[in-house]
Amino acid sequence: MSYRVRVLSSYIYAGDEGPFSAMGRRNRWFHGFVAGLIHQGSSLNELALDFVQLPREAAAVAAFHRECLDQGVQLAICAGTDSIVRWARVCREIPSLYFGAHPENNGLELIRQPNVAGVRLNLPLIWSYRNFSLLGELIPRLEAVYIPINLRSEFAFPNVRAGYEEFRRRHTDFWIPGTSGWSGHRSVQFLAERLGCRYYEGPFSSVDELLAGLRAAPVERSAFVGFNDTVLMEHAANRFREWCTGSGAALFWVNNWPIVAAGGVADFSSHFEAVGKLLAAQALGILRDGRPAAEIGFAEDPGERLSLNLRRCAELSLAVSDGLRARFHTVQA
């Protein structure tokens, strides 16, 4: 008997979208998932599994949900917060696992939905000062941290978006300082204050708007940080990386080593192989053992994997001591 499973992702691409093109299918979490199945005495042979690019439009998501019901899909696995938010709006029947982050706990109410379970991710860069302080150790006399935020993704949660809209009603600046009452991620401001630098958020609705904001920011003694919400806007992540390469800006990323390997300084990722193993155990608990998703519940982030691109460090004349290098799990020469 094969269990009918759908992997739903916003990160599945038909063609070459850049360094991250394969992240929706050939990735570390799925390697861990397969290993986890084997460890649990199962294998992919027991699953009739398909990867599906979840549609963007609400009506299309609803239509796909009806297809899943008609096909007797027994489990959905959502790779990321963006996909589970859109999927959970229409799906209340099919058990659904996901792994994703909720900065400032925004959108976390969906974990109370009875058919939803999974793994809560932490976003390692901003989860601890120990990790955040690496920005200052890599960039001497760091003065500012800039984080663009894609307003067209589900990571622009309604409360965060409302604050941004209010700021833009009052100001023409692209970058919102972390000291503003309208910033969306106040805890990052606290990390920046402790590090002795400024923090800015840059909400954008188009690639042109993103690039205009980047050009308005000083490059020297600055860190530019990307999250995977930027990947969800076509061309945005590639243009962001290319701008950093051309301008000499230091690019960091969270949960996307391929982008950093292609031209960034460092990546701060969750331990996705371990995440996949947890998901395998949860999936078999639902499919093989008949446990409801509400009983499966949520596992905490099982760890982190930090990666450093020494070639880009050399291009930017960033000195990396042996002690600093030892802070990273992977170092690319």
Protein backbone atom coordinates (compact mmCIF):
# COMPACT_ATOMS: atom_id res chain seq x y z
CA MET A 1 0.00 0.00 0.00
CA SER A 2 1.30 3.46 -0.93
CA TYR A 3 0.30 6.48 1.10
CA ARG A 4 -0.70 9.46 -1.04
CA VAL A 5 1.45 12.47 -0.05
CA ARG A 6 1.89 15.91 -1.60
CA VAL A 7 4.86 18.17 -0.89
CA LEU A 8 3.67 21.75 -1.37
CA SER A 9 6.24 24.49 -1.83
CA SER A 10 6.54 28.05 -3.04
CA TYR A 11 10.16 27.30 -3.95
CA ILE A 12 9.65 24.90 -6.88
CA TYR A 13 10.73 26.33 -10.23
CA ALA A 14 10.30 25.10 -13.80
CA GLY A 15 13.58 26.57 -15.08
CA ASP A 16 16.85 28.12 -13.97
CA GLU A 17 15.99 30.84 -11.48
CA GLY A 18 19.53 31.21 -10.16
CA PRO A 19 21.55 29.58 -7.38
CA PHE A 20 18.41 28.60 -5.45
CA SER A 21 16.60 26.90 -8.37
CA ALA A 22 16.81 23.42 -6.85
CA MET A 23 15.80 24.33 -3.30
CA GLY A 24 12.21 23.12 -3.74
CA ARG A 25 13.14 19.55 -4.68
CA ARG A 26 16.83 18.63 -4.19
CA ASN A 27 17.53 19.93 -0.74
CA ARG A 28 18.79 19.00 2.68
CA TRP A 29 15.44 18.55 4.40
CA PHE A 30 14.35 15.91 1.90
CA HIS A 31 17.63 14.02 2.27
CA GLY A 32 16.94 13.95 6.00
CA PHE A 33 13.34 12.91 5.36
CA VAL A 34 14.41 9.88 3.33
CA ALA A 35 16.99 8.93 5.96
CA GLY A 36 14.32 9.31 8.63
CA LEU A 37 11.93 7.01 6.81
CA ILE A 38 14.61 4.33 6.61
CA HIS A 39 15.47 4.76 10.29
CA GLN A 40 11.79 4.23 11.10
CA GLY A 41 11.68 1.00 9.11
CA SER A 42 10.02 2.53 6.07
CA SER A 43 11.13 3.99 2.72
CA LEU A 44 9.96 6.17 -0.15
CA ASN A 45 8.50 3.02 -1.70
CA GLU A 46 5.65 3.30 0.81
CA LEU A 47 4.77 6.82 -0.35
CA ALA A 48 3.11 7.92 -3.57
CA LEU A 49 4.79 11.32 -3.25
CA ASP A 50 4.57 14.29 -5.62
CA PHE A 51 6.18 17.73 -5.39
CA VAL A 52 3.79 20.55 -6.27
CA GLN A 53 4.40 24.25 -6.71
CA LEU A 54 1.58 25.73 -4.66
CA PRO A 55 -0.30 28.35 -6.72
CA ARG A 56 -0.11 31.99 -5.66
CA GLU A 57 -3.76 32.94 -6.17
CA ALA A 58 -6.28 32.00 -3.47
CA ALA A 59 -8.78 30.60 -5.99
CA ALA A 60 -6.12 28.36 -7.51
CA VAL A 61 -5.08 27.09 -4.06
CA ALA A 62 -8.74 26.28 -3.33
CA ALA A 63 -9.06 24.43 -6.64
CA PHE A 64 -5.92 22.41 -5.91
CA HIS A 65 -7.28 21.56 -2.47
CA ARG A 66 -10.42 20.13 -4.09
CA GLU A 67 -8.21 18.05 -6.38
CA CYS A 68 -6.36 16.65 -3.36
CA LEU A 69 -9.65 15.68 -1.72
CA ASP A 70 -10.84 13.99 -4.92
CA GLN A 71 -7.53 12.11 -5.20
CA GLY A 72 -7.64 10.92 -1.62
CA VAL A 73 -4.43 12.65 -0.57
CA GLN A 74 -3.63 11.50 2.96
CA LEU A 75 -0.90 13.98 3.94
CA ALA A 76 0.39 17.36 2.79
CA ILE A 77 3.89 18.54 3.68
CA CYS A 78 4.38 22.29 3.31
CA ALA A 79 7.98 23.40 2.84
CA GLY A 80 7.97 26.82 4.48
CA THR A 81 5.70 29.28 6.22
CA ASP A 82 4.51 30.94 3.02
CA SER A 83 2.97 27.72 1.70
CA ILE A 84 1.37 26.57 4.97
CA VAL A 85 -0.29 29.96 5.52
CA ARG A 86 -1.94 29.82 2.10
CA TRP A 87 -2.72 26.11 2.30
CA ALA A 88 -4.21 26.23 5.82
CA ARG A 89 -6.70 28.91 4.78
CA VAL A 90 -8.51 26.38 2.58
CA CYS A 91 -7.56 22.99 4.04
CA ARG A 92 -9.15 21.79 7.27
CA GLU A 93 -9.45 18.08 6.44
CA ILE A 94 -6.10 16.76 5.19
CA PRO A 95 -3.40 16.32 7.86
CA SER A 96 -0.68 18.84 7.05
CA LEU A 97 2.91 19.05 8.28
CA TYR A 98 5.14 22.05 7.76
CA PHE A 99 8.48 23.45 8.79
CA GLY A 100 8.73 27.19 8.98
CA ALA A 101 9.56 30.26 11.02
CA HIS A 102 7.35 32.88 12.64
CA PRO A 103 9.49 35.92 13.49
CA GLU A 104 8.10 37.74 16.53
CA ASN A 105 5.51 34.88 16.61
CA ASN A 106 3.61 36.55 13.78
CA GLY A 107 1.05 34.19 12.25
CA LEU A 108 1.67 31.55 14.89
CA GLU A 109 -2.05 31.13 15.54
CA LEU A 110 -2.22 28.61 12.69
CA ILE A 111 -0.53 25.99 14.92
CA ARG A 112 -3.86 25.72 16.77
CA GLN A 113 -5.55 24.47 13.58
CA PRO A 114 -6.32 20.79 14.36
CA ASN A 115 -5.00 19.36 11.08
CA VAL A 116 -1.64 21.20 11.24
CA ALA A 117 1.59 19.99 12.87
CA GLY A 118 5.30 20.12 12.11
CA VAL A 119 8.62 21.72 13.08
CA ARG A 120 9.02 25.29 14.30
CA LEU A 121 12.15 26.94 12.87
CA ASN A 122 14.11 29.67 14.63
CA LEU A 123 15.88 31.80 11.93
CA PRO A 124 19.36 31.30 13.42
CA LEU A 125 20.82 34.73 12.64
CA ILE A 126 18.27 36.60 14.74
CA TRP A 127 17.55 33.85 17.26
CA SER A 128 20.66 34.49 19.37
CA TYR A 129 23.06 37.32 19.99
CA ARG A 130 25.93 34.85 19.62
CA ASN A 131 25.00 34.36 15.97
CA PHE A 132 24.01 37.96 15.31
CA SER A 133 27.33 39.20 16.70
CA LEU A 134 29.12 37.36 13.88
CA LEU A 135 28.08 40.23 11.60
CA GLY A 136 30.20 42.57 13.69
CA GLU A 137 33.09 40.13 13.85
CA LEU A 138 33.13 39.76 10.08
CA ILE A 139 32.67 43.47 9.29
CA PRO A 140 35.04 45.72 11.29
CA ARG A 141 33.33 48.76 12.83
CA LEU A 142 29.92 47.64 11.58
CA GLU A 143 27.53 50.60 11.55
CA ALA A 144 24.23 49.30 10.15
CA VAL A 145 22.26 46.17 9.27
CA TYR A 146 19.73 46.37 6.42
CA ILE A 147 16.99 43.76 5.85
CA PRO A 148 14.64 44.05 2.84
CA ILE A 149 11.16 42.55 3.33
CA ASN A 150 8.90 41.38 0.50
CA LEU A 151 5.44 42.89 0.96
CA ARG A 152 3.96 40.41 -1.54
CA SER A 153 4.80 37.34 0.51
CA GLU A 154 2.97 35.85 3.46
CA PHE A 155 5.91 36.90 5.67
CA ALA A 156 4.51 40.42 5.51
CA PHE A 157 1.92 39.46 8.11
CA PRO A 158 -1.14 41.76 8.35
CA ASN A 159 -0.03 43.46 11.58
CA VAL A 160 3.49 44.04 10.21
CA ARG A 161 2.12 45.36 6.92
CA ALA A 162 -0.17 47.79 8.75
CA GLY A 163 2.82 49.27 10.57
CA TYR A 164 4.75 49.67 7.34
CA GLU A 165 1.81 51.38 5.67
CA GLU A 166 1.53 53.82 8.55
CA PHE A 167 5.25 54.63 8.34
CA ARG A 168 5.00 55.27 4.60
CA ARG A 169 2.04 57.58 5.16
CA ARG A 170 4.30 59.75 7.30
CA HIS A 171 7.70 59.38 5.61
CA THR A 172 9.19 59.06 2.14
CA ASP A 173 12.23 57.06 3.29
CA PHE A 174 12.56 53.51 1.99
CA TRP A 175 14.39 52.24 5.08
CA ILE A 176 12.44 52.08 8.34
CA PRO A 177 14.73 52.43 11.38
CA GLY A 178 14.41 49.79 14.06
CA THR A 179 13.83 52.59 16.56
CA SER A 180 10.55 53.46 14.82
CA GLY A 181 7.30 52.39 16.42
CA TRP A 182 6.27 51.08 12.99
CA SER A 183 9.13 48.62 12.52
CA GLY A 184 7.97 45.03 12.22
CA HIS A 185 10.69 43.10 14.04
CA ARG A 186 11.54 44.92 17.23
CA SER A 187 13.69 42.15 18.67
CA VAL A 188 16.26 42.62 15.89
CA GLN A 189 16.62 46.24 17.00
CA PHE A 190 17.58 44.99 20.46
CA LEU A 191 20.25 42.74 18.93
CA ALA A 192 21.61 45.64 16.89
CA GLU A 193 21.68 47.94 19.93
CA ARG A 194 23.70 45.39 21.85
CA LEU A 195 26.08 45.03 18.91
CA GLY A 196 26.44 48.83 18.73
CA CYS A 197 24.98 49.36 15.26
CA ARG A 198 21.78 50.63 13.64
CA TYR A 199 19.05 48.42 12.19
CA TYR A 200 16.73 49.09 9.23
CA GLU A 201 13.87 47.25 7.53
CA GLY A 202 13.06 47.92 3.87
CA PRO A 203 9.58 46.74 2.76
CA PHE A 204 9.31 46.50 -1.03
CA SER A 205 6.57 45.62 -3.52
CA SER A 206 8.67 45.32 -6.69
CA VAL A 207 12.21 44.56 -7.78
CA ASP A 208 12.66 48.15 -8.91
CA GLU A 209 11.62 49.40 -5.48
CA LEU A 210 14.05 47.01 -3.82
CA LEU A 211 16.96 48.12 -6.00
CA ALA A 212 16.18 51.80 -5.44
CA GLY A 213 16.23 51.20 -1.69
CA LEU A 214 19.52 49.31 -1.85
CA ARG A 215 21.15 52.10 -3.86
CA ALA A 216 20.09 54.61 -1.19
CA ALA A 217 21.93 52.70 1.56
CA PRO A 218 25.64 53.19 2.31
CA VAL A 219 27.71 50.11 1.48
CA GLU A 220 30.74 50.69 3.67
CA ARG A 221 30.52 49.20 7.18
CA SER A 222 27.06 47.79 6.42
CA ALA A 223 25.60 44.28 6.39
CA PHE A 224 22.75 43.42 4.01
CA VAL A 225 20.68 40.42 5.06
CA GLY A 226 18.32 38.41 2.88
CA PHE A 227 15.57 36.04 3.96
CA ASN A 228 13.68 33.65 1.72
CA ASP A 229 10.68 35.96 1.41
CA THR A 230 12.85 37.78 -1.15
CA VAL A 231 13.18 34.53 -3.14
CA LEU A 232 9.38 34.50 -3.45
CA MET A 233 9.42 37.56 -5.74
CA GLU A 234 10.61 36.73 -9.24
CA HIS A 235 14.13 38.04 -9.92
CA ALA A 236 14.38 39.81 -6.56
CA ALA A 237 16.95 37.51 -4.92
CA ASN A 238 19.14 37.45 -8.02
CA ARG A 239 19.05 41.23 -8.44
CA PHE A 240 19.80 41.64 -4.71
CA ARG A 241 22.83 39.36 -4.95
CA GLU A 242 24.04 40.97 -8.17
CA TRP A 243 23.74 44.44 -6.65
CA CYS A 244 25.81 43.34 -3.66
CA THR A 245 28.45 41.84 -5.96
CA GLY A 246 28.64 44.94 -8.13
CA SER A 247 28.63 47.47 -5.30
CA GLY A 248 30.98 45.63 -2.96
CA ALA A 249 28.28 45.16 -0.33
CA ALA A 250 28.46 42.36 2.22
CA LEU A 251 25.52 39.99 1.68
CA PHE A 252 24.32 37.54 4.32
CA TRP A 253 21.38 35.15 4.08
CA VAL A 254 19.20 33.03 6.33
CA ASN A 255 18.32 29.48 5.23
CA ASN A 256 19.78 29.61 1.73
CA TRP A 257 23.40 28.55 1.40
CA PRO A 258 23.34 28.35 -2.46
CA ILE A 259 22.80 32.12 -2.67
CA VAL A 260 25.70 32.78 -0.30
CA ALA A 261 27.92 30.27 -2.09
CA ALA A 262 27.31 32.25 -5.30
CA GLY A 263 28.36 35.59 -3.85
CA GLY A 264 27.50 36.16 -0.20
CA VAL A 265 29.59 36.23 2.96
CA ALA A 266 27.74 33.84 5.29
CA ASP A 267 24.55 31.83 5.61
CA PHE A 268 22.70 31.09 8.85
CA SER A 269 20.52 28.01 8.33
CA SER A 270 18.55 25.59 10.41
CA HIS A 271 19.84 22.00 10.42
CA PHE A 272 17.54 20.88 7.61
CA GLU A 273 18.69 17.25 7.52
CA ALA A 274 17.59 16.97 11.16
CA VAL A 275 14.35 18.78 10.33
CA GLY A 276 13.65 16.20 7.62
CA LYS A 277 14.20 13.32 10.05
CA LEU A 278 11.68 14.84 12.47
CA LEU A 279 9.16 15.26 9.64
CA ALA A 280 9.61 11.62 8.63
CA ALA A 281 8.74 10.45 12.13
CA GLN A 282 5.73 12.78 12.22
CA ALA A 283 4.55 11.67 8.77
CA LEU A 284 4.69 8.00 9.70
CA GLY A 285 2.91 8.78 12.95
CA ILE A 286 0.01 10.11 10.88
CA LEU A 287 0.08 7.67 7.95
CA ARG A 288 1.19 4.40 9.51
CA ASP A 289 0.07 4.80 13.13
CA GLY A 290 -3.14 6.71 12.48
CA ARG A 291 -2.39 9.50 14.93
CA PRO A 292 -4.17 12.84 14.37
CA ALA A 293 -2.06 15.89 13.57
CA ALA A 294 -3.21 17.58 16.77
CA GLU A 295 -1.64 14.73 18.74
CA ILE A 296 1.60 14.92 16.73
CA GLY A 297 2.01 18.60 17.58
CA PHE A 298 5.17 20.61 16.98
CA ALA A 299 8.85 19.85 17.37
CA GLU A 300 11.34 22.59 18.12
CA ASP A 301 14.12 23.53 15.70
CA PRO A 302 16.69 20.70 16.04
CA GLY A 303 19.76 22.83 15.41
CA GLU A 304 21.61 25.14 13.06
CA ARG A 305 24.26 25.05 10.35
CA LEU A 306 26.32 28.19 9.73
CA SER A 307 28.32 28.48 6.51
CA LEU A 308 31.06 30.91 5.46
CA ASN A 309 32.23 31.88 1.96
CA LEU A 310 35.95 32.66 2.31
CA ARG A 311 36.29 33.68 -1.33
CA ARG A 312 33.79 36.49 -0.90
CA CYS A 313 35.43 37.49 2.37
CA ALA A 314 38.73 37.85 0.51
CA GLU A 315 37.07 39.89 -2.25
CA LEU A 316 35.75 42.29 0.39
CA SER A 317 39.06 42.30 2.32
CA LEU A 318 37.34 40.85 5.38
CA ALA A 319 39.88 39.21 7.68
CA VAL A 320 38.81 35.84 9.07
CA SER A 321 40.78 34.49 12.00
CA ASP A 322 41.04 30.79 12.80
CA GLY A 323 38.82 31.36 15.82
CA LEU A 324 36.17 33.08 13.72
CA ARG A 325 36.34 30.38 11.06
CA ALA A 326 35.75 27.77 13.76
CA ARG A 327 32.36 29.32 14.53
CA PHE A 328 31.02 28.00 11.20
CA HIS A 329 30.08 24.43 10.42
CA THR A 330 30.99 24.75 6.73
CA VAL A 331 33.73 26.93 5.25
CA GLN A 332 33.98 27.31 1.46
CA ALA A 333 37.43 28.34 0.25
